[in-house]
Each structure stands twice: as structure tokens, then as C-alpha cells.
Protein backbone atom coordinates (compact mmCIF):
# COMPACT_ATOMS: atom_id res chain seq x y z
CA UNK A 1 53.32 11.25 -40.21
CA UNK A 2 55.92 13.46 -38.51
CA UNK A 3 55.19 17.13 -38.21
CA UNK A 4 56.58 18.53 -41.43
CA UNK A 5 57.05 22.13 -42.45
CA UNK A 6 54.43 23.61 -44.74
CA UNK A 7 56.58 23.73 -47.87
CA UNK A 8 57.36 20.02 -47.52
CA UNK A 9 53.66 19.24 -47.03
CA UNK A 10 52.82 21.27 -50.13
CA UNK A 11 55.45 19.43 -52.13
CA UNK A 12 54.15 16.04 -50.94
CA UNK A 13 50.54 17.05 -51.58
CA UNK A 14 51.46 18.13 -55.11
CA UNK A 15 52.75 14.58 -55.55
CA UNK A 16 49.31 13.24 -54.54
CA UNK A 17 50.25 12.39 -50.94
CA UNK A 18 46.85 12.27 -49.23
CA UNK A 19 48.24 12.47 -45.68
CA UNK A 20 50.14 15.63 -46.55
CA UNK A 21 47.05 17.15 -48.13
CA UNK A 22 44.97 16.22 -45.09
CA UNK A 23 47.53 17.87 -42.80
CA UNK A 24 47.35 21.06 -44.87
CA UNK A 25 43.55 21.01 -44.82
CA UNK A 26 43.48 20.50 -41.07
CA UNK A 27 45.89 23.40 -40.56
CA UNK A 28 43.82 25.84 -42.62
CA UNK A 29 40.25 24.57 -42.49
CA UNK A 30 39.12 26.84 -39.67
CA UNK A 31 40.33 30.05 -41.37
CA UNK A 32 38.78 29.00 -44.68
CA UNK A 33 35.46 28.18 -43.03
CA UNK A 34 35.43 31.43 -41.04
CA UNK A 35 35.97 33.52 -44.16
CA UNK A 36 33.32 31.58 -46.07
CA UNK A 37 30.90 32.04 -43.18
CA UNK A 38 31.60 35.76 -43.00
CA UNK A 39 30.64 36.07 -46.66
CA UNK A 40 27.65 33.73 -46.69
CA UNK A 41 26.28 34.07 -43.17
CA UNK A 42 25.12 30.48 -43.35
CA UNK A 43 27.05 27.52 -41.90
CA UNK A 44 25.85 25.09 -44.57
CA UNK A 45 26.83 27.45 -47.37
CA UNK A 46 30.15 28.11 -45.65
CA UNK A 47 30.78 24.39 -45.42
CA UNK A 48 30.07 24.03 -49.15
CA UNK A 49 32.45 26.89 -49.98
CA UNK A 50 35.09 25.36 -47.69
CA UNK A 51 34.78 22.00 -49.42
CA UNK A 52 34.88 23.63 -52.86
CA UNK A 53 37.97 25.62 -51.82
CA UNK A 54 39.90 22.52 -50.87
CA UNK A 55 38.77 20.61 -53.95
CA UNK A 56 39.91 23.44 -56.19
CA UNK A 57 43.17 23.91 -54.28
CA UNK A 58 43.94 20.19 -54.50
CA UNK A 59 43.37 20.26 -58.26
CA UNK A 60 45.85 23.11 -58.66
CA UNK A 61 48.33 22.48 -55.85
CA UNK A 62 50.93 21.38 -58.40
CA UNK A 63 50.90 24.94 -59.81
CA UNK A 64 51.25 26.61 -56.42
CA UNK A 65 54.51 28.47 -55.70
CA UNK A 66 55.91 26.41 -52.83
CA UNK A 67 58.09 29.27 -51.63
CA UNK A 68 54.97 31.19 -50.54
CA UNK A 69 52.66 30.47 -47.59
CA UNK A 70 49.56 28.58 -48.61
CA UNK A 71 47.00 30.29 -46.34
CA UNK A 72 46.67 33.50 -48.41
CA UNK A 73 46.21 31.41 -51.56
CA UNK A 74 43.51 29.29 -49.91
CA UNK A 75 41.75 32.39 -48.59
CA UNK A 76 41.89 33.94 -52.04
CA UNK A 77 40.17 30.87 -53.48
CA UNK A 78 37.63 30.96 -50.65
CA UNK A 79 36.91 34.61 -51.18
CA UNK A 80 36.43 34.19 -54.92
CA UNK A 81 34.17 31.16 -54.52
CA UNK A 82 32.08 32.82 -51.82
CA UNK A 83 31.74 36.04 -53.81
CA UNK A 84 30.72 34.14 -56.93
CA UNK A 85 28.20 32.17 -54.91
CA UNK A 86 26.75 35.34 -53.42
CA UNK A 87 26.35 36.98 -56.79
CA UNK A 88 24.01 34.18 -57.77
CA UNK A 89 21.98 34.10 -54.59
CA UNK A 90 18.70 35.89 -54.89
CA UNK A 91 18.07 35.16 -51.25
CA UNK A 92 21.21 37.10 -50.31
CA UNK A 93 19.71 40.18 -51.93
CA UNK A 94 16.37 39.48 -50.27
CA UNK A 95 18.07 39.14 -46.88
CA UNK A 96 19.84 42.47 -47.33
CA UNK A 97 16.58 44.12 -48.36
CA UNK A 98 14.81 42.65 -45.35
CA UNK A 99 17.60 43.83 -43.07
CA UNK A 100 17.44 47.34 -44.50
CA UNK A 101 13.72 47.50 -43.70
CA UNK A 102 14.23 46.49 -40.08
CA UNK A 103 14.68 48.94 -37.29
CA UNK A 104 18.40 49.03 -36.36
CA UNK A 105 17.33 49.24 -32.71
CA UNK A 106 16.49 45.54 -32.94
CA UNK A 107 20.22 44.86 -32.88
CA UNK A 108 21.24 47.36 -30.24
CA UNK A 109 20.38 47.37 -26.61
CA UNK A 110 19.87 50.80 -25.13
CA UNK A 111 21.12 49.46 -21.84
CA UNK A 112 24.81 50.12 -21.09
CA UNK A 113 25.45 46.41 -20.54
CA UNK A 114 24.78 45.20 -24.09
CA UNK A 115 27.26 42.49 -24.83
CA UNK A 116 30.33 42.61 -26.99
CA UNK A 117 28.89 39.60 -28.80
CA UNK A 118 25.78 41.57 -29.78
CA UNK A 119 27.95 44.47 -30.91
CA UNK A 120 30.16 42.16 -32.96
CA UNK A 121 27.11 40.54 -34.53
CA UNK A 122 25.64 43.92 -35.41
CA UNK A 123 28.98 45.10 -36.82
CA UNK A 124 29.15 41.99 -39.00
CA UNK A 125 25.63 42.66 -40.27
CA UNK A 126 26.59 46.20 -41.19
CA UNK A 127 29.80 45.04 -42.90
CA UNK A 128 27.65 42.71 -45.00
CA UNK A 129 25.88 45.80 -46.37
CA UNK A 130 29.12 47.05 -47.92
CA UNK A 131 30.32 46.08 -51.39
CA UNK A 132 31.87 42.64 -51.72
CA UNK A 133 35.28 44.24 -52.30
CA UNK A 134 34.98 46.20 -49.05
CA UNK A 135 33.77 43.12 -47.17
CA UNK A 136 36.66 41.08 -48.48
CA UNK A 137 39.42 43.43 -47.30
CA UNK A 138 37.75 44.00 -43.91
CA UNK A 139 37.16 40.28 -43.33
CA UNK A 140 40.73 39.32 -44.20
CA UNK A 141 42.42 42.11 -42.27
CA UNK A 142 40.25 42.37 -39.16
CA UNK A 143 37.99 39.35 -38.82
CA UNK A 144 40.72 36.83 -39.76
CA UNK A 145 43.48 39.10 -38.45
CA UNK A 146 45.81 38.71 -41.42
CA UNK A 147 48.70 41.12 -41.72
CA UNK A 148 48.68 43.65 -44.56
CA UNK A 149 51.22 41.49 -46.37
CA UNK A 150 49.07 38.34 -45.99
CA UNK A 151 45.97 40.27 -47.05
CA UNK A 152 47.81 41.50 -50.13
CA UNK A 153 48.84 37.94 -50.97
CA UNK A 154 45.29 36.64 -50.48
CA UNK A 155 43.89 39.35 -52.74
CA UNK A 156 46.82 39.21 -55.17
CA UNK A 157 47.30 42.96 -54.97
CA UNK A 158 50.14 45.21 -53.77
CA UNK A 159 50.35 46.00 -50.06
CA UNK A 160 49.74 49.69 -50.76
CA UNK A 161 46.50 48.80 -52.51
CA UNK A 162 45.42 46.87 -49.42
CA UNK A 163 46.05 49.98 -47.33
CA UNK A 164 44.05 52.24 -49.65
CA UNK A 165 41.18 49.75 -50.06
CA UNK A 166 41.06 49.21 -46.34
CA UNK A 167 41.07 52.94 -45.66
CA UNK A 168 38.18 53.51 -48.08
CA UNK A 169 36.26 50.48 -46.80
CA UNK A 170 36.63 51.57 -43.17
CA UNK A 171 35.48 55.09 -44.06
CA UNK A 172 32.38 53.68 -45.77
CA UNK A 173 31.76 51.43 -42.78
CA UNK A 174 32.12 54.36 -40.37
CA UNK A 175 29.67 56.40 -42.47
CA UNK A 176 27.14 53.59 -42.45
CA UNK A 177 27.58 53.04 -38.72
CA UNK A 178 27.23 56.77 -38.06
CA UNK A 179 23.99 56.86 -40.06
CA UNK A 180 22.66 53.98 -38.00
CA UNK A 181 23.83 55.41 -34.68
CA UNK A 182 26.39 52.72 -33.81
CA UNK A 183 29.43 53.87 -31.83
CA UNK A 184 31.67 50.80 -31.37
CA UNK A 185 33.70 51.15 -34.56
CA UNK A 186 34.73 54.76 -34.06
CA UNK A 187 37.66 53.62 -31.92
CA UNK A 188 39.39 51.71 -34.75
CA UNK A 189 42.51 53.60 -35.82
CA UNK A 190 43.14 54.44 -39.45
CA UNK A 191 45.98 52.38 -40.77
């Protein structure tokens, strides 16, 4: 199949064209998986959410507004499925409780050469302590690097609401990081 623009692929996929749907999945699978993984913290769970996202999207592709980009819609489905899955996971709660009991120094090296990867991992663990709404806006905006407009589309909220949610979420994250003695996030500018 020739490289087609996204709106044409969406139109073909809505008409049950499997090659067009596969091209759309391939184009967006990594972003969907990454968001699912950020929420679940487990690659197998993330894979399940990714599969469920594309199954659900395929079922409703005929209702999708073809004039809009599909990625925010797919990420919205992913976010909703992952959040619903997490609400039902008793082990998610147990993992958070176990984490809260651990000494935060386990995740930080006191040596000046601790790696950016360790810092990013620790930051992700702290973000996971926030409410699901806060996690969602932070993941979309910073971890997946969506614009404010794309984040608004993925969350189906106005752009101004994204800004205010993000501002509040970042303040809560900063407070939590300050309580735990973590300095890396203080450099992020308010938007």
C-alpha cells in the first residue's frame, strides 16, 4: 500500500480496510503502549491495554471525526482503559502501599553521578503516587510530549483546563518531591 495521509487511512479503515487499519496501528502503537505502561507499570498489562485500545478504536472508527488527528483519540481510549483497569487492581494499591513504606533513599544515590535513568525512574514512581487525573495530564504532556492542544484533545477538555490541571498537578508533584528530598523536578518551568 502506498503511504497515504492519515485521514485517508482513517476513511479506509472505517470501511473495514485491514491494511489501512494496520498502518494506523503501526503509526500509533508505540505511543499507546508507552501511555499504558506509564499507568500500569507492567509490560504485560500495558500490552493488554494496548490491544484493548485498538480493538475498541476499530469498533468505533466509523464514528470518529476524520477531520481530527487520531492519536489524541487513541490516547484518550488508552487512558480510560488503563485508569479503569487500575481502579480494579488490588495489587496496584498494594504496590503503592509497599512503595510508601520503603525508604526513598533506595531510589536515590547520594553520589553526584547518579544516572538520569535512575532519576527518571524515581520521578515516574513519584508521579504514580499522584491521583489518576494528575498522572494522566503529566503523562500526556511531558512523558509523551503532546502539545497542550493535543493533550486537550486526548482528554476531551478545553486547552485552558489542561493548563490549570497541569499547573495543579505539577504543584502537587513538586510538593511530594520536596517532602521526599528530590531535586530534579524543581527546574521544570510553570506553563
